[in-house]
Protein backbone atom coordinates (compact mmCIF):
# COMPACT_ATOMS: atom_id res chain seq x y z
CA MET A 1 92.71 124.54 -25.21
CA ALA A 2 91.56 123.34 -28.65
CA ILE A 3 90.08 125.25 -31.57
CA THR A 4 87.05 124.67 -33.78
CA ASP A 5 85.67 126.77 -36.63
CA ASP A 6 83.96 129.29 -34.37
CA SER A 7 85.05 128.65 -30.80
CA LEU A 8 87.65 127.59 -28.26
CA ILE A 9 87.34 124.40 -26.25
CA ALA A 10 88.77 125.14 -22.80
CA ARG A 11 88.68 124.08 -19.18
CA LEU A 12 89.57 125.77 -15.91
CA ILE A 13 93.04 124.73 -14.75
CA LYS A 14 92.22 125.22 -11.07
CA PRO A 15 88.46 124.92 -10.49
CA THR A 16 86.97 125.81 -7.15
CA ASN A 17 85.06 123.25 -5.13
CA GLU A 18 81.80 124.60 -6.50
CA GLN A 19 82.93 124.26 -10.11
CA ILE A 20 82.98 121.06 -12.06
CA ASN A 21 86.22 120.69 -14.04
CA LYS A 22 84.59 120.06 -17.42
CA LEU A 23 85.28 121.18 -20.96
CA GLU A 24 83.54 124.31 -22.12
CA LYS A 25 82.89 125.63 -25.61
CA ILE A 26 83.48 129.39 -25.76
CA LYS A 27 82.45 131.36 -28.85
CA PHE A 28 85.13 133.65 -30.26
CA GLU A 29 82.88 136.70 -29.89
CA ASP A 30 82.49 135.96 -26.16
CA ILE A 31 86.25 136.14 -25.49
CA ASN A 32 87.03 139.51 -23.90
CA HIS A 33 90.70 139.17 -23.07
CA THR A 34 93.64 136.86 -23.78
CA TYR A 35 96.84 136.32 -21.83
CA THR A 36 100.34 135.32 -22.82
CA SER A 37 100.96 131.62 -23.10
CA GLN A 38 102.19 129.75 -20.05
CA GLN A 39 105.64 128.17 -20.23
CA LEU A 40 105.68 124.43 -19.71
CA SER A 41 108.60 122.73 -18.02
CA ASN A 42 107.49 119.37 -19.42
CA PHE A 43 104.64 117.88 -21.40
CA ASN A 44 103.28 115.96 -18.42
CA LYS A 45 101.40 119.16 -17.58
CA LEU A 46 99.29 118.73 -20.71
CA ASN A 47 98.30 115.23 -19.66
CA GLU A 48 97.50 116.54 -16.21
CA TRP A 49 95.20 119.23 -17.62
CA TRP A 50 93.57 117.29 -20.44
CA ASN A 51 94.03 113.52 -19.86
CA ASP A 52 91.64 111.72 -22.26
CA ASP A 53 88.74 114.15 -21.88
CA LEU A 54 89.47 116.14 -25.06
CA ASN A 55 89.57 113.07 -27.33
CA THR A 56 86.38 111.82 -25.73
CA TRP A 57 84.69 115.20 -26.25
CA ILE A 58 85.75 115.36 -29.93
CA LYS A 59 84.33 111.87 -30.57
CA THR A 60 80.98 112.84 -29.07
CA GLN A 61 80.70 116.17 -30.93
CA ARG A 62 80.07 114.91 -34.44
CA THR A 63 79.07 118.36 -35.75
CA GLU A 64 82.24 120.15 -34.61
CA ASN A 65 84.97 120.73 -37.18
CA THR A 66 88.23 120.87 -35.24
CA ILE A 67 91.23 122.72 -36.66
CA ALA A 68 94.64 121.06 -36.53
CA ALA A 69 97.43 122.89 -34.72
CA PHE A 70 99.75 122.29 -37.68
CA PRO A 71 98.85 122.06 -41.39
CA THR A 72 98.73 118.62 -42.94
CA ILE A 73 101.76 117.97 -45.14
CA LEU A 74 100.64 116.22 -48.32
CA PRO A 75 102.97 113.53 -49.69
CA ILE A 76 105.14 114.51 -52.66
CA GLN A 77 106.31 111.03 -53.63
CA HIS A 78 103.03 110.05 -55.31
CA ALA A 79 100.32 111.86 -57.24
CA PRO A 80 96.98 112.35 -55.42
CA ALA A 81 94.46 109.66 -56.31
CA SER A 82 91.84 112.25 -57.32
CA LEU A 83 94.26 113.70 -59.90
CA LEU A 84 95.03 110.30 -61.41
CA VAL A 85 91.31 109.55 -61.78
CA LEU A 86 90.65 112.92 -63.45
CA GLN A 87 93.68 112.61 -65.73
CA ASP A 88 92.54 109.17 -66.81
CA GLN A 89 89.11 110.56 -67.72
CA LEU A 90 90.54 113.65 -69.44
CA THR A 91 92.91 111.65 -71.66
CA TYR A 92 90.47 108.84 -72.51
CA LYS A 93 89.58 108.84 -76.21
CA ASP A 94 85.82 108.51 -75.63
CA SER A 95 85.61 110.73 -72.55
CA ASN A 96 82.17 111.60 -71.18
CA ILE A 97 82.29 115.36 -70.55
CA SER A 98 79.32 115.20 -68.17
CA VAL A 99 81.09 112.64 -65.96
CA ILE A 100 84.22 114.80 -65.88
CA GLU A 101 82.16 117.90 -65.08
CA LYS A 102 80.48 116.10 -62.19
CA ALA A 103 83.82 114.90 -60.82
CA LEU A 104 85.23 118.44 -60.94
CA GLU A 105 82.13 119.91 -59.28
CA ASN A 106 82.83 117.60 -56.33
CA ASP A 107 86.39 118.93 -56.04
CA ILE A 108 86.32 122.64 -55.18
CA ILE A 109 90.07 123.19 -55.56
CA TYR A 110 90.40 121.58 -58.99
CA SER A 111 87.21 123.18 -60.33
CA HIS A 112 88.50 126.61 -59.19
CA GLN A 113 91.78 126.03 -61.06
CA ILE A 114 89.98 125.04 -64.27
CA LEU A 115 87.72 128.12 -64.14
CA LYS A 116 90.67 130.40 -63.31
CA SER A 117 92.76 129.02 -66.18
CA ALA A 118 89.88 129.34 -68.66
CA LYS A 119 89.49 133.02 -67.72
CA ALA A 120 93.24 133.62 -68.01
CA ASN A 121 93.39 131.98 -71.45
CA ASN A 122 90.33 133.79 -72.74
CA ARG A 123 91.72 136.37 -75.17
CA GLN A 124 88.25 137.51 -76.22
CA LYS A 125 87.27 138.08 -72.57
CA GLN A 126 84.20 135.86 -72.88
CA LYS A 127 82.38 135.04 -69.68
CA VAL A 128 83.05 131.48 -68.48
CA HIS A 129 79.60 130.12 -67.71
CA SER A 130 80.38 126.71 -66.24
CA ILE A 131 82.99 124.01 -65.74
CA LYS A 132 81.84 122.36 -68.97
CA HIS A 133 82.35 125.65 -70.80
CA ALA A 134 85.81 126.03 -69.23
CA LEU A 135 86.78 122.50 -70.30
CA ALA A 136 85.64 123.24 -73.85
CA MET A 137 87.74 126.42 -73.92
CA LEU A 138 90.87 124.79 -72.54
CA GLY A 139 90.59 121.36 -74.14
CA LEU A 140 90.53 118.14 -72.14
CA GLU A 141 94.24 117.31 -72.44
CA ASN A 142 95.32 120.83 -71.48
CA SER A 143 92.94 120.74 -68.51
CA GLY A 144 94.62 117.58 -67.28
CA GLN A 145 98.06 119.17 -67.58
CA LEU A 146 96.95 122.28 -65.67
CA LEU A 147 95.63 120.15 -62.81
CA LEU A 148 98.88 118.19 -62.80
CA GLN A 149 100.96 121.38 -62.61
CA TYR A 150 98.83 122.74 -59.79
CA SER A 151 98.99 119.51 -57.76
CA LEU A 152 102.74 119.14 -58.17
CA MET A 153 103.67 122.74 -57.40
CA THR A 154 101.28 122.94 -54.44
CA ARG A 155 102.97 119.95 -52.85
CA LEU A 156 106.46 121.27 -53.56
CA ASN A 157 105.63 124.58 -51.86
CA GLN A 158 104.03 123.32 -48.64
CA GLN A 159 106.92 124.31 -46.35
CA TYR A 160 108.82 127.59 -46.32
CA PHE A 161 112.55 127.85 -47.03
CA PRO A 162 114.64 130.97 -47.84
CA LEU A 163 114.93 130.59 -51.64
CA GLN A 164 111.39 129.27 -52.13
CA GLN A 165 109.97 132.38 -53.82
CA SER A 166 113.01 132.70 -56.09
CA PHE A 167 112.74 129.05 -57.17
CA LEU A 168 109.00 129.43 -57.79
CA ASN A 169 109.45 132.59 -59.88
CA PHE A 170 112.17 130.92 -61.93
CA SER A 171 110.10 127.75 -62.41
CA GLN A 172 107.11 129.70 -63.70
CA LEU A 173 109.30 131.80 -65.98
CA MET A 174 111.00 128.74 -67.48
CA ALA A 175 107.64 126.98 -67.90
CA ASN A 176 106.23 129.97 -69.79
CA ILE A 177 109.33 130.16 -71.99
CA ALA A 178 108.98 126.45 -72.77
CA ASN A 179 105.32 127.01 -73.66
CA GLU A 180 106.29 129.90 -75.98
CA LEU A 181 108.96 127.82 -77.72
CA ALA A 182 106.62 124.83 -78.05
CA VAL A 183 104.10 127.02 -79.90
CA LEU A 184 106.86 128.38 -82.17
CA ALA A 185 108.09 124.85 -82.89
CA LYS A 186 104.49 123.72 -83.55
CA LEU A 187 104.61 120.93 -80.98
CA GLU A 188 101.35 119.14 -80.20
CA SER A 189 101.07 119.85 -76.46
CA PRO A 190 102.73 123.02 -75.08
CA GLU A 191 101.07 122.43 -71.69
CA MET A 192 102.72 119.00 -71.46
CA VAL A 193 106.09 120.69 -72.00
CA LYS A 194 105.29 123.11 -69.15
CA SER A 195 104.55 120.15 -66.89
CA LEU A 196 107.93 118.64 -67.76
CA VAL A 197 109.64 121.87 -66.69
CA TYR A 198 108.02 121.66 -63.25
CA PHE A 199 109.13 118.03 -62.87
CA ALA A 200 112.63 118.96 -64.07
CA LEU A 201 112.99 121.66 -61.39
CA SER A 202 111.18 119.78 -58.61
CA ARG A 203 114.32 118.77 -56.70
CA LEU A 204 115.15 122.44 -56.09
CA TYR A 205 112.29 122.45 -53.56
CA THR A 206 113.09 119.21 -51.74
CA MET A 207 116.88 118.79 -51.60
CA PRO A 208 117.83 119.45 -47.92
CA SER A 209 121.09 121.24 -48.84
CA PHE A 210 119.20 123.61 -51.20
CA ARG A 211 116.54 124.41 -48.62
CA LEU A 212 119.19 125.81 -46.26
CA LEU A 213 120.62 128.28 -48.78
CA THR A 214 120.03 132.02 -48.52
CA GLN A 215 121.92 132.89 -51.72
CA TRP A 216 121.50 131.29 -55.14
CA LYS A 217 124.78 130.74 -56.97
CA ILE A 218 124.87 129.20 -60.44
CA GLU A 219 127.54 127.51 -62.53
CA HIS A 220 128.48 129.45 -65.65
CA ASN A 221 129.26 126.62 -68.07
CA LYS A 222 126.91 124.22 -69.88
CA ALA A 223 123.85 126.35 -69.11
CA PHE A 224 121.59 123.80 -70.82
CA LYS A 225 122.21 121.22 -68.08
CA LEU A 226 120.12 121.14 -64.91
CA ALA A 227 123.19 120.66 -62.74
CA SER A 228 124.46 124.09 -63.83
CA LEU A 229 121.43 125.77 -62.30
CA ILE A 230 122.77 125.70 -58.76
CA CYS A 231 126.32 125.58 -57.48
CA GLN A 232 125.81 123.32 -54.49
CA LYS A 233 126.44 119.74 -53.46
CA GLY A 234 123.59 117.57 -54.76
CA ASN A 235 123.12 119.45 -58.06
CA GLN A 236 123.92 116.28 -60.03
CA LYS A 237 120.75 114.72 -58.56
CA LEU A 238 118.43 117.30 -60.16
CA HIS A 239 118.07 115.40 -63.44
CA GLU A 240 117.96 111.89 -62.02
CA ASP A 241 115.42 112.73 -59.31
CA ALA A 242 113.18 114.61 -61.77
CA ILE A 243 112.84 111.39 -63.77
CA LEU A 244 112.09 109.34 -60.64
CA LEU A 245 109.38 111.78 -59.55
CA ALA A 246 107.75 111.78 -63.00
CA LYS A 247 107.67 107.98 -62.90
CA SER A 248 106.18 107.89 -59.40
CA TRP A 249 103.50 110.37 -60.55
CA GLN A 250 102.63 107.91 -63.34
CA GLN A 251 103.48 110.21 -66.23
CA PRO A 252 103.27 108.91 -69.81
CA SER A 253 106.30 107.08 -71.17
CA GLN A 254 106.95 109.85 -73.74
CA SER A 255 107.19 112.47 -70.98
CA ILE A 256 109.65 110.36 -69.01
CA HIS A 257 111.66 109.62 -72.15
CA CYS A 258 111.93 113.35 -72.91
CA LEU A 259 113.40 113.98 -69.46
CA GLN A 260 115.78 111.05 -69.86
CA MET A 261 116.97 112.23 -73.26
CA TRP A 262 117.60 115.85 -72.23
CA ALA A 263 120.83 116.89 -74.00
CA VAL A 264 121.35 113.41 -75.46
CA LYS A 265 121.77 113.10 -79.23
CA LEU A 266 119.01 111.04 -80.87
CA SER A 267 119.15 109.84 -84.44
CA THR A 268 116.33 107.39 -85.11
CA SER A 269 113.35 108.82 -86.98
CA ASN A 270 110.69 107.56 -84.56
CA GLN A 271 112.23 109.74 -81.81
CA ILE A 272 111.94 113.08 -83.62
CA GLN A 273 109.27 114.44 -81.26
CA THR A 274 111.18 113.34 -78.16
CA ASN A 275 114.36 114.84 -79.59
CA LYS A 276 112.59 118.18 -80.13
CA ILE A 277 111.10 118.31 -76.63
CA SER A 278 114.33 117.33 -74.87
CA HIS A 279 116.27 120.06 -76.72
CA LEU A 280 113.45 122.54 -76.10
CA LEU A 281 113.87 121.93 -72.35
CA GLY A 282 117.58 122.68 -72.54
CA LEU A 283 117.00 125.81 -74.63
CA SER A 284 114.29 126.99 -72.21
CA LEU A 285 116.74 126.65 -69.33
CA ILE A 286 119.33 128.75 -71.19
CA LEU A 287 116.81 131.51 -71.92
CA ALA A 288 115.32 131.45 -68.40
CA ARG A 289 118.80 131.94 -66.93
CA GLU A 290 119.40 134.86 -69.29
CA LEU A 291 116.14 136.58 -68.37
CA TYR A 292 115.96 135.83 -64.65
CA MET A 293 119.61 136.05 -63.69
CA LEU A 294 120.83 138.35 -66.47
CA ASN A 295 123.41 135.68 -67.14
CA LYS A 296 124.27 134.86 -70.75
CA ALA A 297 126.58 131.86 -70.80
CA SER A 298 129.07 132.15 -73.65
CA ASP A 299 131.06 128.95 -73.28
CA GLU A 300 131.50 126.79 -76.38
CA ALA A 301 129.27 123.95 -75.15
CA THR A 302 126.31 126.27 -74.45
CA THR A 303 126.72 128.12 -77.77
CA ALA A 304 126.88 124.84 -79.70
CA TYR A 305 123.85 123.45 -77.87
CA ARG A 306 121.83 126.60 -78.51
CA LYS A 307 122.54 126.45 -82.27
CA LYS A 308 121.72 122.74 -82.39
CA ALA A 309 118.45 123.19 -80.47
CA CYS A 310 117.36 126.04 -82.77
CA ARG A 311 118.10 123.87 -85.80
CA ILE A 312 116.15 120.89 -84.44
CA LEU A 313 113.17 123.07 -83.43
CA LYS A 314 113.38 125.13 -86.66
CA ILE A 315 113.57 128.36 -84.67
CA THR A 316 115.83 131.28 -85.59
CA GLU A 317 117.79 133.52 -83.24
CA GLN A 318 115.43 136.32 -84.28
CA ASP A 319 112.52 134.16 -83.10
CA LEU A 320 114.25 133.81 -79.72
CA VAL A 321 114.75 137.56 -79.41
CA LYS A 322 111.04 138.20 -80.14
CA SER A 323 110.00 135.44 -77.73
CA LYS A 324 112.11 136.93 -74.94
CA GLU A 325 110.55 140.34 -75.59
CA ARG A 326 107.05 138.86 -75.36
CA ILE A 327 107.92 137.01 -72.16
CA LEU A 328 109.33 140.17 -70.58
CA ARG A 329 106.28 142.13 -71.66
CA THR A 330 103.69 139.65 -70.39
CA ASN A 331 105.39 137.84 -67.49
CA GLU A 332 105.43 139.61 -64.15
CA ILE A 333 105.62 136.43 -63.54
CA ILE A 334 102.34 135.24 -65.16
CA ALA A 335 101.24 131.83 -63.95
CA GLN A 336 98.01 130.05 -64.75
CA ILE A 337 98.37 128.07 -61.54
CA SER A 338 98.15 129.99 -58.27
CA ILE A 339 100.54 128.63 -55.66
CA LYS A 340 100.34 129.73 -52.05
CA ILE A 341 103.76 130.16 -50.47
CA ALA A 342 104.07 128.45 -47.10
CA ASN A 343 104.54 130.74 -44.08
């Protein structure tokens, strides 16, 4: 038996002499009763029942849209080509908004995300009339970052594992904290910082040893380091693999450099922006742990890092308290990108 959009493709297993053993298309509404599945002792039975007739039938039925038995798993190692094309257009200095609009209209998923994000960001509750209007409200660069975040997180969440929802909630919380701090620190692209958070936490979703866990245990020292986020073999790979994934997704050199320089002291003047972003990531991790896990690390290294990050970002402890209050008030968890958890 095979499935299409509106029917089953079936054949009689034991036809009588009067019946021709051919494939039949049966509409769902014409099915009166179903029976439990038959146990197979071996897969030779399937060949016996179907042989090559089903493939032949599918090739001849050009108008039928067959449904796969298992969902297609999209590759995580590389960014989708459609995203790279759109990002190139969205970041080009002399971008043609009409060309971008047309490209988005041809991609239902991406156009839906842009419209959804424009509505979520619309403080004055204005009606979003079109994709072009949504792009104008969000800005081209921010639109590109939102599509990047959606593509990455969708691929990371394709297959279910026990701690998946917890990791997703934490990722979205940390991303929103990073966005809040980036605004406070007057950085140029808060959405780019959010994207870096998702890359930084990406290995949580793909490390085989993490996917088997049913309880999330953290390390209590050096809360600004990614490795402290999970007390499990493989945690030292979190940082390294985040950088590799960002490179394979063709992220800008500044983004990759920020991930590389996380918690590393920089002194040269031309690296001020990178220095700020890398320390912002570490500070965001500290605050996300405090809010999500009710865990305030008080070791000397974390305290020193926190003070240093605040100094570099020109943020006071009072600013952090107010930011945490805003996050708690507005994050249930709020996410501009809607990710469907795998079943």
